[in-house]
Amino acid sequence: MYSYIARRLAVAVPTILVLIIISFILMHSAPGGPFNSERPLPPQVLANIEAKYGLDQPLWKQIVIYVWNVVVHFDFGPSFQYKDRTVNDVIAQGFPVTLTYGFWSFIIAVGVGVSLGIAAALRHNSWLDYLAVGFTIGAQALPNFVMGPILILVFTLWLGLLPGGGWNGGQWNYVIMPVIALSTSYMASIARITRSSMLEVMNSGFIRTARAKGLPMSRIVLRHALKPALLPTLSYLGPAFVGMVTGSVVVDIYFSTGGIGQYFVNSAFNRDYSVIMGITILVGVLTIFFNLVVDILYAWIDPKIRY
């Protein structure tokens, strides 16, 4: 097991370095620059600003300095748009907001999705199964950019129960709609994967043998079926967790949460490359890390994949 973890780490670390370098090169290959505007700056002023931020250095030297600062000091550099603030400050302000509603979205999506998938499989071809299938199809047909306006229309404009936007320190009435908008499609995917996997396991030979021995259904499900049935769901949860805890640009914009998605969009419009790279690298590192965690859990549950 330890050698498997070491091999996975040996792959993850260079992948992160490649991610940082490619992000840097792609960002600096984009047309225009962070200080280009409709009213061009005088050449001397532009040269002084670029020298201040180190943009006058050769590209290879900028890459080396940037990678060193990120890897060794975890410093993403200054923001080009937000004066007197660094990228670390921007992420520190926006990420806790995104992490809060993303975490609750994950808890609800996994709890409801797994429970619904198992219940639908155990009541196959019943009204509960049809209801679950109908819910998953409907939820996946309503992505968060559709869910957001519908929720605001119903809960804010028609019923007047919830505020239509803002964060206000993360009070529960400000968190509910972002959580619903973000978790619904993930919940449907988790329920669909769990249902399919559970049906396959429940029709397998060792489950029929357990039934023939007269074991109670609760014991068959908990002791024999649940563990192999959740393996496909577990492999989906790694990227799903990152997708939720890093939030959604759409959710941040619709509900004006102040999360990193909102900063990402503003930075893209203002060509604040350092903030864009910082958020991109953060999401990439979280994706690699949680995929690593899922691989380790997968190997722990199913030792056959420790190749």
Protein backbone atom coordinates (compact mmCIF):
# COMPACT_ATOMS: atom_id res chain seq x y z
CA MET A 1 0.00 0.00 0.00
CA TYR A 2 2.82 2.44 0.90
CA SER A 3 4.62 1.77 -2.38
CA TYR A 4 1.36 2.43 -4.26
CA ILE A 5 0.95 5.78 -2.46
CA ALA A 6 4.61 6.65 -3.19
CA ARG A 7 4.12 5.90 -6.90
CA ARG A 8 0.98 8.02 -7.05
CA LEU A 9 2.81 10.90 -5.30
CA ALA A 10 5.71 10.54 -7.73
CA VAL A 11 3.24 11.19 -10.55
CA ALA A 12 1.26 13.95 -8.80
CA VAL A 13 4.18 16.27 -7.96
CA PRO A 14 5.58 16.60 -11.54
CA THR A 15 2.02 16.97 -12.80
CA ILE A 16 1.56 20.03 -10.58
CA LEU A 17 4.82 21.55 -11.86
CA VAL A 18 3.78 20.97 -15.48
CA LEU A 19 0.38 22.51 -14.71
CA ILE A 20 2.00 25.68 -13.34
CA ILE A 21 4.43 26.03 -16.26
CA ILE A 22 1.77 25.41 -18.94
CA SER A 23 -0.65 27.84 -17.25
CA PHE A 24 2.06 30.50 -17.21
CA ILE A 25 3.04 29.98 -20.85
CA LEU A 26 -0.56 29.94 -22.10
CA MET A 27 -1.44 33.07 -20.16
CA HIS A 28 1.55 34.98 -21.53
CA SER A 29 0.80 33.72 -25.05
CA ALA A 30 -2.62 35.39 -25.03
CA PRO A 31 -2.89 38.55 -27.16
CA GLY A 32 -2.71 41.87 -25.35
CA GLY A 33 -1.37 42.50 -21.89
CA PRO A 34 -2.58 43.40 -18.41
CA PHE A 35 -1.80 47.08 -18.97
CA ASN A 36 -3.15 47.42 -22.51
CA SER A 37 -6.29 49.54 -22.66
CA GLU A 38 -8.31 51.59 -25.11
CA ARG A 39 -6.10 54.57 -24.23
CA PRO A 40 -2.50 53.39 -24.69
CA LEU A 41 -0.05 54.40 -21.99
CA PRO A 42 3.07 56.40 -22.90
CA PRO A 43 5.92 53.98 -23.73
CA GLN A 44 8.06 55.08 -20.78
CA VAL A 45 5.18 54.71 -18.32
CA LEU A 46 4.34 51.25 -19.71
CA ALA A 47 8.01 50.23 -19.49
CA ASN A 48 8.20 51.36 -15.85
CA ILE A 49 5.03 49.43 -14.91
CA GLU A 50 6.23 46.26 -16.65
CA ALA A 51 9.59 46.58 -14.89
CA LYS A 52 7.80 46.91 -11.53
CA TYR A 53 6.02 43.58 -12.07
CA GLY A 54 9.01 41.86 -13.71
CA LEU A 55 7.31 41.63 -17.10
CA ASP A 56 10.37 43.09 -18.83
CA GLN A 57 12.38 39.95 -18.04
CA PRO A 58 12.82 37.09 -20.56
CA LEU A 59 9.96 34.58 -20.45
CA TRP A 60 12.13 31.71 -19.17
CA LYS A 61 13.30 33.88 -16.26
CA GLN A 62 9.73 34.91 -15.43
CA ILE A 63 8.72 31.22 -15.39
CA VAL A 64 11.57 30.24 -13.08
CA ILE A 65 10.81 33.08 -10.64
CA TYR A 66 7.06 32.38 -10.70
CA VAL A 67 7.45 28.60 -10.17
CA TRP A 68 9.95 29.19 -7.35
CA ASN A 69 7.66 31.66 -5.57
CA VAL A 70 4.59 29.41 -5.95
CA VAL A 71 6.24 26.13 -4.98
CA VAL A 72 8.59 27.35 -2.24
CA HIS A 73 6.74 30.36 -0.77
CA PHE A 74 3.17 29.63 -1.98
CA ASP A 75 3.17 33.21 -3.31
CA PHE A 76 1.16 33.89 -6.48
CA GLY A 77 2.46 37.44 -6.77
CA PRO A 78 0.68 40.81 -6.91
CA SER A 79 -2.66 41.40 -8.56
CA PHE A 80 -2.58 43.68 -11.61
CA GLN A 81 -6.14 44.92 -11.04
CA TYR A 82 -6.64 45.08 -7.27
CA LYS A 83 -4.13 47.67 -6.12
CA ASP A 84 -2.09 46.96 -3.00
CA ARG A 85 -3.45 43.41 -2.88
CA THR A 86 -1.77 40.15 -3.76
CA VAL A 87 -3.33 37.14 -5.44
CA ASN A 88 -3.08 35.35 -2.09
CA ASP A 89 -5.25 38.12 -0.57
CA VAL A 90 -7.85 37.74 -3.31
CA ILE A 91 -7.97 33.95 -2.91
CA ALA A 92 -8.07 34.26 0.89
CA GLN A 93 -11.11 36.52 0.59
CA GLY A 94 -13.05 34.58 -2.05
CA PHE A 95 -12.18 30.94 -1.40
CA PRO A 96 -13.74 30.63 2.10
CA VAL A 97 -17.06 31.79 0.63
CA THR A 98 -16.88 29.27 -2.20
CA LEU A 99 -15.65 26.54 0.13
CA THR A 100 -18.59 27.07 2.51
CA TYR A 101 -21.43 26.59 0.05
CA GLY A 102 -19.39 24.02 -1.90
CA PHE A 103 -18.88 21.90 1.22
CA TRP A 104 -22.59 21.88 2.06
CA SER A 105 -23.41 21.15 -1.57
CA PHE A 106 -21.13 18.11 -1.43
CA ILE A 107 -22.64 16.81 1.82
CA ILE A 108 -26.20 17.13 0.50
CA ALA A 109 -25.37 15.78 -2.97
CA VAL A 110 -23.64 12.68 -1.57
CA GLY A 111 -26.13 12.05 1.25
CA VAL A 112 -29.26 12.39 -0.86
CA GLY A 113 -27.76 10.98 -4.08
CA VAL A 114 -26.38 7.77 -2.52
CA SER A 115 -29.52 7.18 -0.44
CA LEU A 116 -31.79 7.75 -3.42
CA GLY A 117 -29.70 5.50 -5.68
CA ILE A 118 -29.68 2.64 -3.17
CA ALA A 119 -33.40 2.96 -2.43
CA ALA A 120 -34.24 3.01 -6.16
CA ALA A 121 -32.13 -0.11 -6.80
CA LEU A 122 -33.64 -2.04 -3.88
CA ARG A 123 -37.16 -1.06 -5.07
CA HIS A 124 -36.43 -1.73 -8.72
CA ASN A 125 -39.41 -1.11 -11.07
CA SER A 126 -41.48 0.33 -8.23
CA TRP A 127 -42.94 3.87 -7.95
CA LEU A 128 -39.86 4.88 -5.93
CA ASP A 129 -37.55 3.73 -8.71
CA TYR A 130 -39.57 5.59 -11.34
CA LEU A 131 -39.60 8.70 -9.13
CA ALA A 132 -35.82 8.55 -8.68
CA VAL A 133 -35.19 8.06 -12.40
CA GLY A 134 -37.52 10.95 -13.20
CA PHE A 135 -35.75 13.17 -10.68
CA THR A 136 -32.28 12.39 -12.05
CA ILE A 137 -33.37 13.08 -15.62
CA GLY A 138 -35.08 16.33 -14.64
CA ALA A 139 -32.18 17.50 -12.45
CA GLN A 140 -29.57 16.85 -15.13
CA ALA A 141 -31.71 18.76 -17.63
CA LEU A 142 -31.57 21.78 -15.31
CA PRO A 143 -27.91 22.91 -15.02
CA ASN A 144 -27.03 25.57 -12.47
CA PHE A 145 -27.29 28.43 -14.98
CA VAL A 146 -30.95 27.46 -15.36
CA MET A 147 -31.53 26.61 -11.69
CA GLY A 148 -30.21 29.98 -10.49
CA PRO A 149 -32.85 32.22 -12.16
CA ILE A 150 -35.63 29.72 -11.33
CA LEU A 151 -34.71 29.71 -7.63
CA ILE A 152 -34.54 33.51 -7.49
CA LEU A 153 -37.88 33.76 -9.29
CA VAL A 154 -39.62 31.33 -6.92
CA PHE A 155 -38.04 31.95 -3.51
CA THR A 156 -37.23 35.65 -3.83
CA LEU A 157 -39.72 37.26 -6.20
CA TRP A 158 -42.81 35.06 -5.75
CA LEU A 159 -42.55 33.77 -2.17
CA GLY A 160 -40.26 36.42 -0.68
CA LEU A 161 -38.62 33.85 1.59
CA LEU A 162 -34.94 34.19 0.69
CA PRO A 163 -32.65 37.08 -0.34
CA GLY A 164 -31.87 37.08 -4.05
CA GLY A 165 -28.12 37.58 -3.62
CA GLY A 166 -25.23 38.52 -1.37
CA TRP A 167 -23.41 36.60 1.32
CA ASN A 168 -23.75 38.52 4.61
CA GLY A 169 -21.17 36.50 6.50
CA GLY A 170 -22.56 33.16 5.29
CA GLN A 171 -25.93 33.33 7.09
CA TRP A 172 -28.05 30.26 6.32
CA ASN A 173 -30.70 32.13 4.33
CA TYR A 174 -27.98 33.41 1.97
CA VAL A 175 -26.45 29.96 1.57
CA ILE A 176 -29.56 27.91 0.72
CA MET A 177 -30.07 28.86 -2.92
CA PRO A 178 -26.36 28.61 -3.95
CA VAL A 179 -26.27 25.14 -2.34
CA ILE A 180 -29.41 24.00 -4.17
CA ALA A 181 -28.24 25.41 -7.50
CA LEU A 182 -24.81 23.78 -7.21
CA SER A 183 -25.73 20.41 -5.69
CA THR A 184 -28.77 19.39 -7.76
CA SER A 185 -27.03 18.15 -10.91
CA TYR A 186 -24.26 16.43 -8.89
CA MET A 187 -26.91 14.79 -6.72
CA ALA A 188 -28.65 13.43 -9.82
CA SER A 189 -25.38 12.03 -11.23
CA ILE A 190 -24.49 10.36 -7.92
CA ALA A 191 -27.97 8.82 -7.63
CA ARG A 192 -27.83 7.50 -11.20
CA ILE A 193 -24.34 5.99 -10.78
CA THR A 194 -25.21 4.44 -7.41
CA ARG A 195 -28.49 2.97 -8.72
CA SER A 196 -26.83 1.36 -11.75
CA SER A 197 -23.95 -0.05 -9.72
CA MET A 198 -26.25 -1.32 -6.97
CA LEU A 199 -28.51 -3.08 -9.51
CA GLU A 200 -25.49 -4.81 -11.05
CA VAL A 201 -24.19 -5.97 -7.66
CA MET A 202 -27.60 -7.13 -6.44
CA ASN A 203 -27.92 -9.36 -9.53
CA SER A 204 -24.46 -10.89 -9.12
CA GLY A 205 -23.77 -14.46 -8.13
CA PHE A 206 -22.51 -13.91 -4.59
CA ILE A 207 -25.62 -11.91 -3.69
CA ARG A 208 -27.88 -14.72 -5.01
CA THR A 209 -25.85 -17.15 -2.91
CA ALA A 210 -26.33 -14.97 0.18
CA ARG A 211 -30.07 -14.84 -0.49
CA ALA A 212 -30.18 -18.64 -0.93
CA LYS A 213 -28.59 -19.02 2.50
CA GLY A 214 -31.50 -17.06 3.97
CA LEU A 215 -29.53 -14.04 5.16
CA PRO A 216 -31.63 -10.96 6.00
CA MET A 217 -31.78 -8.36 3.26
CA SER A 218 -30.37 -5.66 5.56
CA ARG A 219 -27.28 -7.78 6.22
CA ILE A 220 -26.86 -8.61 2.52
CA VAL A 221 -26.96 -4.93 1.62
CA LEU A 222 -24.74 -3.62 4.43
CA ARG A 223 -22.19 -6.45 4.62
CA HIS A 224 -21.94 -7.65 1.02
CA ALA A 225 -23.49 -5.30 -1.56
CA LEU A 226 -22.79 -1.78 -0.38
CA LYS A 227 -18.99 -1.83 -0.54
CA PRO A 228 -18.56 -3.02 -4.16
CA ALA A 229 -21.58 -0.98 -5.28
CA LEU A 230 -20.07 2.29 -4.06
CA LEU A 231 -16.75 1.90 -5.91
CA PRO A 232 -17.97 3.62 -9.14
CA THR A 233 -19.56 6.35 -7.04
CA LEU A 234 -16.32 6.84 -5.13
CA SER A 235 -14.34 7.34 -8.34
CA TYR A 236 -16.81 10.06 -9.34
CA LEU A 237 -16.62 11.86 -5.98
CA GLY A 238 -13.01 13.08 -6.39
CA PRO A 239 -13.58 15.47 -9.31
CA ALA A 240 -17.12 16.16 -8.05
CA PHE A 241 -15.77 17.32 -4.69
CA VAL A 242 -13.30 19.66 -6.36
CA GLY A 243 -16.02 20.92 -8.69
CA MET A 244 -18.21 21.80 -5.72
CA VAL A 245 -15.67 23.20 -3.22
CA THR A 246 -14.16 25.41 -5.91
CA GLY A 247 -17.67 26.61 -6.66
CA SER A 248 -19.19 27.67 -9.89
CA VAL A 249 -18.70 30.85 -11.87
CA VAL A 250 -22.42 30.83 -12.65
CA VAL A 251 -23.46 30.43 -9.01
CA ASP A 252 -21.06 33.16 -7.87
CA ILE A 253 -22.33 35.56 -10.53
CA TYR A 254 -26.06 34.85 -10.12
CA PHE A 255 -26.07 35.07 -6.33
CA SER A 256 -23.27 37.67 -5.96
CA THR A 257 -21.59 35.55 -3.30
CA GLY A 258 -18.14 37.12 -3.64
CA GLY A 259 -16.55 33.70 -4.26
CA ILE A 260 -13.49 33.02 -6.38
CA GLY A 261 -15.66 32.45 -9.48
CA GLN A 262 -16.67 36.10 -9.40
CA TYR A 263 -13.03 37.17 -9.05
CA PHE A 264 -12.11 34.87 -11.93
CA VAL A 265 -14.62 36.48 -14.29
CA ASN A 266 -13.68 40.03 -13.26
CA SER A 267 -10.00 39.21 -13.74
CA ALA A 268 -10.65 37.73 -17.18
CA PHE A 269 -12.39 40.93 -18.29
CA ASN A 270 -9.58 43.09 -16.85
CA ARG A 271 -6.73 40.83 -18.01
CA ASP A 272 -5.52 40.34 -14.48
CA TYR A 273 -3.38 37.38 -15.45
CA SER A 274 -1.87 36.77 -12.04
CA VAL A 275 -5.30 36.24 -10.41
CA ILE A 276 -6.45 34.00 -13.27
CA MET A 277 -3.31 31.87 -12.95
CA GLY A 278 -3.60 31.74 -9.16
CA ILE A 279 -7.19 30.46 -9.27
CA THR A 280 -6.41 28.06 -12.13
CA ILE A 281 -3.46 26.57 -10.26
CA LEU A 282 -5.49 26.33 -7.04
CA VAL A 283 -8.27 24.38 -8.81
CA GLY A 284 -5.72 22.20 -10.61
CA VAL A 285 -3.82 21.34 -7.43
CA LEU A 286 -7.06 20.51 -5.59
CA THR A 287 -8.14 18.30 -8.50
CA ILE A 288 -4.86 16.38 -8.47
CA PHE A 289 -4.87 16.08 -4.68
CA PHE A 290 -8.41 14.77 -4.33
CA ASN A 291 -7.99 12.39 -7.27
CA LEU A 292 -4.96 11.07 -5.38
CA VAL A 293 -7.08 10.66 -2.24
CA VAL A 294 -9.76 8.82 -4.22
CA ASP A 295 -7.15 6.52 -5.80
CA ILE A 296 -5.79 5.67 -2.35
CA LEU A 297 -9.30 5.00 -0.98
CA TYR A 298 -10.07 2.92 -4.05
CA ALA A 299 -6.94 0.83 -3.52
CA TRP A 300 -7.77 0.45 0.17
CA ILE A 301 -11.29 -0.79 -0.60
CA ASP A 302 -10.31 -2.96 -3.58
CA PRO A 303 -6.72 -4.29 -3.19
CA LYS A 304 -6.83 -5.80 -6.70
CA ILE A 305 -6.04 -2.43 -8.30
CA ARG A 306 -2.69 -1.99 -6.49
CA TYR A 307 -0.66 -2.51 -9.61
